[in-house]
Amino acid sequence: MITAELVREILGSVGVNPERFVIKWASAAEATRYVDLITAFTRKIEELGPLGRAEGKDKDDLLLKLRAARSATEAMKLRAGLGKVVGEFREEGDYSLDVIQKKVEAKLASTMRSEVSGQEILLRLNRQGPLSVSNLAEKMGLPAEEIADFLSKLGKRGKVSESDGRWMLVRAGEDVI
């Protein structure tokens, strides 16, 4: 349940309707329930429409954002944060949906958004070459100040460098993720 809520957060942060992701349980003895769950989910997806178009997103841009999100989930910082939150749930013993949503938002959402944005910057620089802060801000839909902060952090980690107001990967062309 904790990771399901985190997946919904991640999808929402990259512009995918979180209702496209559902986890429901049905035992082998609940064939009718299973069929009902699948039918309801299929109807929901049909209502939402095709992925990307329904969200008003360009297919290539959405794929890039989803790749950045996938890579962010592999980041140690996010995984460590998830481990801490799971430990807190075990200590407290409260696994209600409301508590899960609040903890994911309070303890993981900002780290997740930061990791996704950092990965998206790296992917964009790898795919599109050197870009200015304003180019990245426009493409990502984030304030230029936030982009500049991400670039500064990535620069300190030796991932990117700046020349003539444009940022580039230190090792362009490699698999950056």
N, C-alpha and C. Protein backbone atom coordinates (compact mmCIF):
# COMPACT_ATOMS: atom_id res chain seq x y z
N MET A 1 0.82 -1.19 0.00
CA MET A 1 0.00 0.00 0.00
C MET A 1 0.87 1.25 0.00
N ILE A 2 1.98 1.21 0.73
CA ILE A 2 2.87 2.36 0.80
C ILE A 2 3.47 2.63 -0.58
N THR A 3 3.98 1.59 -1.22
CA THR A 3 4.59 1.78 -2.53
C THR A 3 3.53 2.13 -3.58
N ALA A 4 2.31 1.64 -3.42
CA ALA A 4 1.25 1.99 -4.35
C ALA A 4 0.98 3.49 -4.29
N GLU A 5 0.96 4.05 -3.10
CA GLU A 5 0.74 5.49 -2.95
C GLU A 5 1.91 6.27 -3.55
N LEU A 6 3.12 5.76 -3.38
CA LEU A 6 4.29 6.41 -3.97
C LEU A 6 4.21 6.37 -5.49
N VAL A 7 3.77 5.26 -6.06
CA VAL A 7 3.61 5.15 -7.52
C VAL A 7 2.61 6.19 -8.01
N ARG A 8 1.50 6.35 -7.30
CA ARG A 8 0.50 7.35 -7.69
C ARG A 8 1.10 8.76 -7.62
N GLU A 9 1.90 9.04 -6.60
CA GLU A 9 2.59 10.34 -6.49
C GLU A 9 3.51 10.56 -7.69
N ILE A 10 4.28 9.54 -8.02
CA ILE A 10 5.23 9.65 -9.13
C ILE A 10 4.48 9.89 -10.44
N LEU A 11 3.44 9.13 -10.68
CA LEU A 11 2.67 9.31 -11.92
C LEU A 11 2.11 10.73 -12.00
N GLY A 12 1.54 11.20 -10.91
CA GLY A 12 0.99 12.55 -10.89
C GLY A 12 2.06 13.60 -11.15
N SER A 13 3.25 13.38 -10.62
CA SER A 13 4.32 14.37 -10.78
C SER A 13 4.82 14.48 -12.22
N VAL A 14 4.67 13.42 -13.00
CA VAL A 14 5.11 13.48 -14.40
C VAL A 14 3.95 13.76 -15.36
N GLY A 15 2.77 13.99 -14.80
CA GLY A 15 1.64 14.38 -15.64
C GLY A 15 0.74 13.25 -16.10
N VAL A 16 0.87 12.08 -15.47
CA VAL A 16 -0.01 10.95 -15.79
C VAL A 16 -1.08 10.88 -14.71
N ASN A 17 -2.32 10.73 -15.13
CA ASN A 17 -3.41 10.62 -14.16
C ASN A 17 -3.16 9.41 -13.25
N PRO A 18 -3.04 9.63 -11.94
CA PRO A 18 -2.76 8.53 -11.00
C PRO A 18 -3.84 7.44 -10.98
N GLU A 19 -5.01 7.75 -11.51
CA GLU A 19 -6.07 6.74 -11.56
C GLU A 19 -5.76 5.63 -12.55
N ARG A 20 -4.71 5.79 -13.34
CA ARG A 20 -4.29 4.75 -14.28
C ARG A 20 -3.58 3.60 -13.56
N PHE A 21 -3.33 3.76 -12.27
CA PHE A 21 -2.65 2.73 -11.49
C PHE A 21 -3.54 2.32 -10.33
N VAL A 22 -3.83 1.02 -10.25
CA VAL A 22 -4.68 0.50 -9.17
C VAL A 22 -4.12 -0.84 -8.73
N ILE A 23 -4.15 -1.05 -7.43
CA ILE A 23 -3.85 -2.37 -6.89
C ILE A 23 -5.06 -2.81 -6.07
N LYS A 24 -5.63 -3.90 -6.47
CA LYS A 24 -6.76 -4.51 -5.75
C LYS A 24 -6.47 -6.00 -5.62
N TRP A 25 -6.93 -6.58 -4.57
CA TRP A 25 -6.66 -7.99 -4.31
C TRP A 25 -7.90 -8.85 -4.50
N ALA A 26 -7.69 -10.03 -5.05
CA ALA A 26 -8.75 -11.03 -5.18
C ALA A 26 -8.08 -12.40 -5.06
N SER A 27 -8.64 -13.24 -4.23
CA SER A 27 -8.06 -14.58 -4.07
C SER A 27 -8.48 -15.46 -5.24
N ALA A 28 -7.85 -16.61 -5.36
CA ALA A 28 -8.18 -17.56 -6.43
C ALA A 28 -9.63 -18.01 -6.34
N ALA A 29 -10.20 -17.96 -5.15
CA ALA A 29 -11.59 -18.38 -4.95
C ALA A 29 -12.58 -17.27 -5.29
N GLU A 30 -12.10 -16.09 -5.67
CA GLU A 30 -12.98 -14.96 -5.93
C GLU A 30 -13.01 -14.60 -7.42
N ALA A 31 -13.36 -15.56 -8.24
CA ALA A 31 -13.36 -15.33 -9.69
C ALA A 31 -14.29 -14.18 -10.08
N THR A 32 -15.45 -14.12 -9.49
CA THR A 32 -16.41 -13.06 -9.82
C THR A 32 -15.85 -11.70 -9.43
N ARG A 33 -15.23 -11.62 -8.25
CA ARG A 33 -14.62 -10.35 -7.82
C ARG A 33 -13.50 -9.95 -8.78
N TYR A 34 -12.69 -10.92 -9.19
CA TYR A 34 -11.59 -10.65 -10.12
C TYR A 34 -12.13 -10.05 -11.42
N VAL A 35 -13.15 -10.66 -11.98
CA VAL A 35 -13.75 -10.17 -13.22
C VAL A 35 -14.30 -8.77 -13.02
N ASP A 36 -14.96 -8.52 -11.88
CA ASP A 36 -15.50 -7.19 -11.59
C ASP A 36 -14.39 -6.14 -11.49
N LEU A 37 -13.28 -6.50 -10.84
CA LEU A 37 -12.16 -5.57 -10.70
C LEU A 37 -11.56 -5.21 -12.07
N ILE A 38 -11.34 -6.23 -12.88
CA ILE A 38 -10.76 -6.02 -14.21
C ILE A 38 -11.71 -5.20 -15.09
N THR A 39 -13.00 -5.51 -15.03
CA THR A 39 -13.99 -4.79 -15.83
C THR A 39 -14.05 -3.33 -15.41
N ALA A 40 -14.06 -3.06 -14.11
CA ALA A 40 -14.12 -1.68 -13.61
C ALA A 40 -12.87 -0.91 -14.02
N PHE A 41 -11.70 -1.55 -13.91
CA PHE A 41 -10.46 -0.87 -14.28
C PHE A 41 -10.43 -0.60 -15.79
N THR A 42 -10.85 -1.54 -16.59
CA THR A 42 -10.90 -1.36 -18.04
C THR A 42 -11.81 -0.19 -18.40
N ARG A 43 -12.96 -0.12 -17.76
CA ARG A 43 -13.88 1.00 -18.02
C ARG A 43 -13.23 2.33 -17.65
N LYS A 44 -12.54 2.36 -16.50
CA LYS A 44 -11.88 3.58 -16.05
C LYS A 44 -10.84 4.04 -17.07
N ILE A 45 -10.03 3.12 -17.57
CA ILE A 45 -9.00 3.46 -18.55
C ILE A 45 -9.65 3.95 -19.85
N GLU A 46 -10.74 3.32 -20.26
CA GLU A 46 -11.45 3.77 -21.45
C GLU A 46 -11.99 5.18 -21.26
N GLU A 47 -12.50 5.49 -20.05
CA GLU A 47 -12.98 6.84 -19.74
C GLU A 47 -11.85 7.86 -19.82
N LEU A 48 -10.69 7.48 -19.31
CA LEU A 48 -9.55 8.39 -19.29
C LEU A 48 -8.99 8.64 -20.69
N GLY A 49 -9.13 7.66 -21.56
CA GLY A 49 -8.62 7.80 -22.92
C GLY A 49 -7.17 7.38 -23.04
N PRO A 50 -6.62 7.47 -24.26
CA PRO A 50 -5.25 7.03 -24.50
C PRO A 50 -4.24 7.79 -23.64
N LEU A 51 -3.24 7.06 -23.17
CA LEU A 51 -2.19 7.66 -22.36
C LEU A 51 -1.48 8.74 -23.15
N GLY A 52 -1.29 9.87 -22.53
CA GLY A 52 -0.62 10.99 -23.17
C GLY A 52 -1.62 11.95 -23.77
N ARG A 53 -2.37 11.48 -24.72
CA ARG A 53 -3.36 12.36 -25.36
C ARG A 53 -4.40 12.81 -24.34
N ALA A 54 -4.84 11.88 -23.48
CA ALA A 54 -5.83 12.21 -22.46
C ALA A 54 -5.28 13.21 -21.45
N GLU A 55 -3.97 13.19 -21.22
CA GLU A 55 -3.34 14.10 -20.27
C GLU A 55 -2.86 15.39 -20.94
N GLY A 56 -3.01 15.46 -22.27
CA GLY A 56 -2.56 16.64 -22.99
C GLY A 56 -1.04 16.71 -23.10
N LYS A 57 -0.40 15.55 -23.16
CA LYS A 57 1.07 15.49 -23.22
C LYS A 57 1.54 14.93 -24.55
N ASP A 58 2.64 15.46 -25.03
CA ASP A 58 3.32 14.93 -26.20
C ASP A 58 3.87 13.54 -25.85
N LYS A 59 3.71 12.59 -26.76
CA LYS A 59 4.13 11.21 -26.50
C LYS A 59 5.61 11.12 -26.12
N ASP A 60 6.49 11.76 -26.89
CA ASP A 60 7.93 11.68 -26.62
C ASP A 60 8.28 12.34 -25.29
N ASP A 61 7.63 13.47 -25.01
CA ASP A 61 7.89 14.17 -23.74
C ASP A 61 7.42 13.31 -22.56
N LEU A 62 6.26 12.69 -22.70
CA LEU A 62 5.75 11.84 -21.63
C LEU A 62 6.65 10.63 -21.42
N LEU A 63 7.12 10.02 -22.50
CA LEU A 63 8.03 8.88 -22.37
C LEU A 63 9.33 9.28 -21.67
N LEU A 64 9.84 10.47 -21.98
CA LEU A 64 11.04 10.96 -21.32
C LEU A 64 10.78 11.14 -19.82
N LYS A 65 9.65 11.73 -19.47
CA LYS A 65 9.31 11.94 -18.07
C LYS A 65 9.12 10.60 -17.34
N LEU A 66 8.51 9.64 -17.99
CA LEU A 66 8.33 8.32 -17.37
C LEU A 66 9.67 7.61 -17.18
N ARG A 67 10.57 7.77 -18.14
CA ARG A 67 11.91 7.19 -17.99
C ARG A 67 12.65 7.84 -16.83
N ALA A 68 12.50 9.16 -16.71
CA ALA A 68 13.12 9.87 -15.58
C ALA A 68 12.54 9.38 -14.26
N ALA A 69 11.23 9.16 -14.23
CA ALA A 69 10.58 8.66 -13.00
C ALA A 69 11.08 7.27 -12.65
N ARG A 70 11.19 6.41 -13.65
CA ARG A 70 11.70 5.06 -13.39
C ARG A 70 13.11 5.12 -12.83
N SER A 71 13.94 5.93 -13.42
CA SER A 71 15.32 6.06 -12.94
C SER A 71 15.36 6.62 -11.53
N ALA A 72 14.47 7.56 -11.24
CA ALA A 72 14.44 8.16 -9.91
C ALA A 72 14.09 7.12 -8.85
N THR A 73 13.25 6.15 -9.20
CA THR A 73 12.88 5.12 -8.22
C THR A 73 14.06 4.23 -7.86
N GLU A 74 15.07 4.23 -8.71
CA GLU A 74 16.26 3.43 -8.44
C GLU A 74 17.29 4.19 -7.61
N ALA A 75 17.04 5.47 -7.38
CA ALA A 75 17.99 6.31 -6.63
C ALA A 75 18.02 5.88 -5.16
N MET A 76 19.21 5.81 -4.62
CA MET A 76 19.39 5.37 -3.24
C MET A 76 18.66 6.29 -2.25
N LYS A 77 18.67 7.58 -2.51
CA LYS A 77 18.03 8.53 -1.60
C LYS A 77 16.54 8.22 -1.43
N LEU A 78 15.87 7.94 -2.53
CA LEU A 78 14.44 7.64 -2.48
C LEU A 78 14.20 6.28 -1.83
N ARG A 79 15.03 5.31 -2.16
CA ARG A 79 14.86 3.97 -1.57
C ARG A 79 15.11 3.99 -0.08
N ALA A 80 16.10 4.77 0.36
CA ALA A 80 16.39 4.88 1.79
C ALA A 80 15.21 5.55 2.50
N GLY A 81 14.66 6.59 1.88
CA GLY A 81 13.50 7.26 2.46
C GLY A 81 12.31 6.34 2.58
N LEU A 82 12.09 5.52 1.58
CA LEU A 82 11.00 4.55 1.62
C LEU A 82 11.21 3.55 2.76
N GLY A 83 12.45 3.10 2.92
CA GLY A 83 12.77 2.18 4.01
C GLY A 83 12.48 2.79 5.37
N LYS A 84 12.80 4.07 5.55
CA LYS A 84 12.53 4.75 6.82
C LYS A 84 11.03 4.85 7.09
N VAL A 85 10.27 5.19 6.04
CA VAL A 85 8.82 5.31 6.21
C VAL A 85 8.21 3.96 6.56
N VAL A 86 8.66 2.90 5.91
CA VAL A 86 8.16 1.57 6.21
C VAL A 86 8.45 1.23 7.67
N GLY A 87 9.64 1.56 8.14
CA GLY A 87 10.00 1.34 9.54
C GLY A 87 9.07 2.08 10.49
N GLU A 88 8.72 3.31 10.13
CA GLU A 88 7.79 4.09 10.97
C GLU A 88 6.42 3.43 11.02
N PHE A 89 5.95 2.92 9.89
CA PHE A 89 4.66 2.24 9.89
C PHE A 89 4.68 1.01 10.79
N ARG A 90 5.76 0.27 10.73
CA ARG A 90 5.88 -0.92 11.57
C ARG A 90 5.84 -0.55 13.05
N GLU A 91 6.55 0.52 13.42
CA GLU A 91 6.56 0.96 14.81
C GLU A 91 5.19 1.45 15.27
N GLU A 92 4.54 2.23 14.41
CA GLU A 92 3.26 2.83 14.78
C GLU A 92 2.08 1.87 14.60
N GLY A 93 2.17 0.96 13.65
CA GLY A 93 1.11 -0.01 13.43
C GLY A 93 -0.14 0.55 12.77
N ASP A 94 -0.08 1.76 12.24
CA ASP A 94 -1.24 2.37 11.59
C ASP A 94 -1.01 2.38 10.08
N TYR A 95 -1.75 1.53 9.36
CA TYR A 95 -1.60 1.40 7.92
C TYR A 95 -2.82 1.93 7.17
N SER A 96 -3.56 2.85 7.79
CA SER A 96 -4.74 3.39 7.14
C SER A 96 -4.33 4.23 5.93
N LEU A 97 -5.19 4.27 4.93
CA LEU A 97 -4.88 4.97 3.69
C LEU A 97 -4.56 6.43 3.94
N ASP A 98 -5.30 7.07 4.83
CA ASP A 98 -5.06 8.48 5.13
C ASP A 98 -3.66 8.70 5.70
N VAL A 99 -3.25 7.85 6.62
CA VAL A 99 -1.91 7.95 7.23
C VAL A 99 -0.84 7.69 6.17
N ILE A 100 -1.05 6.69 5.33
CA ILE A 100 -0.08 6.37 4.28
C ILE A 100 0.08 7.57 3.34
N GLN A 101 -1.03 8.15 2.90
CA GLN A 101 -0.96 9.29 1.99
C GLN A 101 -0.22 10.46 2.62
N LYS A 102 -0.51 10.74 3.88
CA LYS A 102 0.14 11.86 4.55
C LYS A 102 1.64 11.63 4.72
N LYS A 103 2.04 10.41 5.08
CA LYS A 103 3.47 10.12 5.26
C LYS A 103 4.21 10.14 3.93
N VAL A 104 3.61 9.59 2.90
CA VAL A 104 4.26 9.61 1.59
C VAL A 104 4.46 11.05 1.15
N GLU A 105 3.43 11.88 1.31
CA GLU A 105 3.55 13.28 0.92
C GLU A 105 4.60 14.00 1.78
N ALA A 106 4.57 13.79 3.07
CA ALA A 106 5.47 14.51 3.97
C ALA A 106 6.92 14.05 3.87
N LYS A 107 7.13 12.76 3.70
CA LYS A 107 8.48 12.22 3.81
C LYS A 107 9.12 11.82 2.49
N LEU A 108 8.33 11.56 1.46
CA LEU A 108 8.90 11.05 0.22
C LEU A 108 8.62 11.91 -1.01
N ALA A 109 7.53 12.64 -1.01
CA ALA A 109 7.12 13.34 -2.24
C ALA A 109 8.16 14.35 -2.71
N SER A 110 8.71 15.16 -1.82
CA SER A 110 9.66 16.17 -2.27
C SER A 110 10.95 15.53 -2.77
N THR A 111 11.40 14.47 -2.09
CA THR A 111 12.59 13.75 -2.55
C THR A 111 12.33 13.14 -3.92
N MET A 112 11.16 12.55 -4.08
CA MET A 112 10.80 11.93 -5.35
C MET A 112 10.75 12.96 -6.46
N ARG A 113 10.11 14.10 -6.22
CA ARG A 113 10.02 15.14 -7.25
C ARG A 113 11.42 15.66 -7.61
N SER A 114 12.25 15.81 -6.62
CA SER A 114 13.62 16.27 -6.86
C SER A 114 14.41 15.26 -7.69
N GLU A 115 14.31 14.00 -7.34
CA GLU A 115 15.01 12.95 -8.09
C GLU A 115 14.50 12.85 -9.52
N VAL A 116 13.18 12.93 -9.71
CA VAL A 116 12.60 12.86 -11.06
C VAL A 116 13.08 14.05 -11.88
N SER A 117 13.06 15.24 -11.30
CA SER A 117 13.50 16.44 -12.04
C SER A 117 14.98 16.35 -12.41
N GLY A 118 15.81 15.90 -11.49
CA GLY A 118 17.23 15.74 -11.79
C GLY A 118 17.46 14.75 -12.92
N GLN A 119 16.75 13.64 -12.88
CA GLN A 119 16.89 12.63 -13.94
C GLN A 119 16.37 13.17 -15.27
N GLU A 120 15.27 13.94 -15.21
CA GLU A 120 14.73 14.51 -16.45
C GLU A 120 15.72 15.49 -17.09
N ILE A 121 16.38 16.29 -16.27
CA ILE A 121 17.40 17.21 -16.79
C ILE A 121 18.50 16.43 -17.49
N LEU A 122 19.00 15.39 -16.85
CA LEU A 122 20.06 14.58 -17.45
C LEU A 122 19.61 13.96 -18.76
N LEU A 123 18.41 13.44 -18.79
CA LEU A 123 17.90 12.83 -20.03
C LEU A 123 17.74 13.86 -21.14
N ARG A 124 17.22 15.03 -20.80
CA ARG A 124 17.05 16.08 -21.81
C ARG A 124 18.40 16.54 -22.36
N LEU A 125 19.36 16.73 -21.49
CA LEU A 125 20.69 17.15 -21.96
C LEU A 125 21.33 16.07 -22.82
N ASN A 126 21.11 14.82 -22.46
CA ASN A 126 21.66 13.71 -23.24
C ASN A 126 21.00 13.64 -24.62
N ARG A 127 19.71 13.84 -24.65
CA ARG A 127 18.95 13.71 -25.90
C ARG A 127 19.05 14.96 -26.77
N GLN A 128 19.02 16.14 -26.15
CA GLN A 128 18.90 17.38 -26.91
C GLN A 128 20.18 18.21 -26.96
N GLY A 129 21.20 17.79 -26.23
CA GLY A 129 22.45 18.55 -26.22
C GLY A 129 22.38 19.71 -25.25
N PRO A 130 23.37 20.59 -25.31
CA PRO A 130 23.43 21.72 -24.37
C PRO A 130 22.17 22.59 -24.42
N LEU A 131 21.68 22.94 -23.22
CA LEU A 131 20.48 23.77 -23.10
C LEU A 131 20.70 24.83 -22.03
N SER A 132 20.03 25.94 -22.19
CA SER A 132 20.09 27.00 -21.18
C SER A 132 19.09 26.68 -20.07
N VAL A 133 19.22 27.40 -18.98
CA VAL A 133 18.29 27.25 -17.86
C VAL A 133 16.87 27.55 -18.35
N SER A 134 16.72 28.62 -19.13
CA SER A 134 15.38 28.99 -19.61
C SER A 134 14.81 27.93 -20.55
N ASN A 135 15.65 27.31 -21.40
CA ASN A 135 15.17 26.22 -22.27
C ASN A 135 14.64 25.06 -21.42
N LEU A 136 15.43 24.66 -20.43
CA LEU A 136 15.02 23.56 -19.56
C LEU A 136 13.76 23.91 -18.77
N ALA A 137 13.69 25.11 -18.27
CA ALA A 137 12.51 25.54 -17.50
C ALA A 137 11.26 25.46 -18.36
N GLU A 138 11.37 25.92 -19.60
CA GLU A 138 10.22 25.89 -20.51
C GLU A 138 9.81 24.45 -20.82
N LYS A 139 10.77 23.60 -21.14
CA LYS A 139 10.48 22.21 -21.51
C LYS A 139 9.91 21.42 -20.34
N MET A 140 10.39 21.72 -19.13
CA MET A 140 9.98 20.95 -17.96
C MET A 140 8.80 21.56 -17.22
N GLY A 141 8.48 22.81 -17.53
CA GLY A 141 7.36 23.47 -16.86
C GLY A 141 7.67 23.80 -15.40
N LEU A 142 8.94 24.10 -15.12
CA LEU A 142 9.37 24.45 -13.77
C LEU A 142 9.98 25.85 -13.78
N PRO A 143 9.98 26.53 -12.63
CA PRO A 143 10.61 27.86 -12.58
C PRO A 143 12.12 27.77 -12.85
N ALA A 144 12.64 28.78 -13.52
CA ALA A 144 14.07 28.81 -13.85
C ALA A 144 14.95 28.70 -12.61
N GLU A 145 14.51 29.30 -11.50
CA GLU A 145 15.30 29.23 -10.26
C GLU A 145 15.44 27.79 -9.78
N GLU A 146 14.37 27.03 -9.92
CA GLU A 146 14.40 25.62 -9.51
C GLU A 146 15.34 24.82 -10.42
N ILE A 147 15.28 25.08 -11.71
CA ILE A 147 16.16 24.41 -12.66
C ILE A 147 17.62 24.75 -12.35
N ALA A 148 17.89 26.03 -12.08
CA ALA A 148 19.25 26.45 -11.75
C ALA A 148 19.76 25.74 -10.51
N ASP A 149 18.89 25.54 -9.52
CA ASP A 149 19.27 24.83 -8.30
C ASP A 149 19.60 23.37 -8.61
N PHE A 150 18.78 22.72 -9.42
CA PHE A 150 19.05 21.33 -9.82
C PHE A 150 20.38 21.24 -10.56
N LEU A 151 20.60 22.16 -11.49
CA LEU A 151 21.84 22.14 -12.27
C LEU A 151 23.06 22.35 -11.38
N SER A 152 22.94 23.21 -10.41
CA SER A 152 24.03 23.45 -9.47
C SER A 152 24.37 22.16 -8.72
N LYS A 153 23.35 21.47 -8.24
CA LYS A 153 23.56 20.20 -7.52
C LYS A 153 24.16 19.14 -8.43
N LEU A 154 23.65 19.05 -9.66
CA LEU A 154 24.19 18.08 -10.60
C LEU A 154 25.63 18.43 -10.98
N GLY A 155 25.93 19.72 -11.04
CA GLY A 155 27.29 20.15 -11.32
C GLY A 155 28.25 19.76 -10.21
N LYS A 156 27.81 19.91 -8.96
CA LYS A 156 28.65 19.52 -7.82
C LYS A 156 28.91 18.02 -7.80
N ARG A 157 28.00 17.25 -8.36
CA ARG A 157 28.17 15.79 -8.43
C ARG A 157 28.94 15.37 -9.68
N GLY A 158 29.37 16.36 -10.48
CA GLY A 158 30.17 16.06 -11.66
C GLY A 158 29.38 15.52 -12.84
N LYS A 159 28.08 15.74 -12.84
CA LYS A 159 27.23 15.22 -13.92
C LYS A 159 27.09 16.20 -15.09
N VAL A 160 27.07 17.51 -14.77
CA VAL A 160 26.87 18.52 -15.80
C VAL A 160 27.89 19.64 -15.63
N SER A 161 28.08 20.40 -16.71
CA SER A 161 28.93 21.60 -16.64
C SER A 161 28.28 22.68 -17.49
N GLU A 162 28.70 23.92 -17.25
CA GLU A 162 28.11 25.06 -17.93
C GLU A 162 29.16 25.78 -18.76
N SER A 163 28.77 26.19 -19.95
CA SER A 163 29.66 26.96 -20.82
C SER A 163 28.80 27.93 -21.63
N ASP A 164 29.12 29.20 -21.54
CA ASP A 164 28.40 30.24 -22.29
C ASP A 164 26.90 30.22 -22.03
N GLY A 165 26.51 29.96 -20.78
CA GLY A 165 25.10 29.99 -20.42
C GLY A 165 24.31 28.76 -20.81
N ARG A 166 24.99 27.75 -21.30
CA ARG A 166 24.31 26.49 -21.68
C ARG A 166 24.91 25.35 -20.88
N TRP A 167 24.04 24.46 -20.47
CA TRP A 167 24.45 23.33 -19.64
C TRP A 167 24.53 22.08 -20.49
N MET A 168 25.50 21.23 -20.19
CA MET A 168 25.68 19.99 -20.94
C MET A 168 26.11 18.88 -19.99
N LEU A 169 25.93 17.66 -20.46
CA LEU A 169 26.42 16.52 -19.69
C LEU A 169 27.93 16.51 -19.73
N VAL A 170 28.53 16.07 -18.65
CA VAL A 170 29.98 15.96 -18.62
C VAL A 170 30.43 14.87 -19.58
N ARG A 171 29.70 13.78 -19.63
CA ARG A 171 30.02 12.67 -20.55
C ARG A 171 28.81 12.46 -21.47
N ALA A 172 28.61 13.33 -22.40
CA ALA A 172 27.46 13.25 -23.30
C ALA A 172 27.49 11.97 -24.11
N GLY A 173 26.30 11.45 -24.39
CA GLY A 173 26.17 10.25 -25.23
C GLY A 173 26.16 8.95 -24.45
N GLU A 174 26.65 8.97 -23.22
CA GLU A 174 26.61 7.75 -22.40
C GLU A 174 25.21 7.55 -21.85
N ASP A 175 24.94 6.36 -21.39
CA ASP A 175 23.68 6.13 -20.71
C ASP A 175 23.76 6.84 -19.37
N VAL A 176 23.03 7.93 -19.24
CA VAL A 176 23.17 8.79 -18.07
C VAL A 176 22.44 8.26 -16.86
N ILE A 177 21.57 7.33 -17.04
CA ILE A 177 20.76 6.84 -15.93
C ILE A 177 21.28 5.53 -15.42
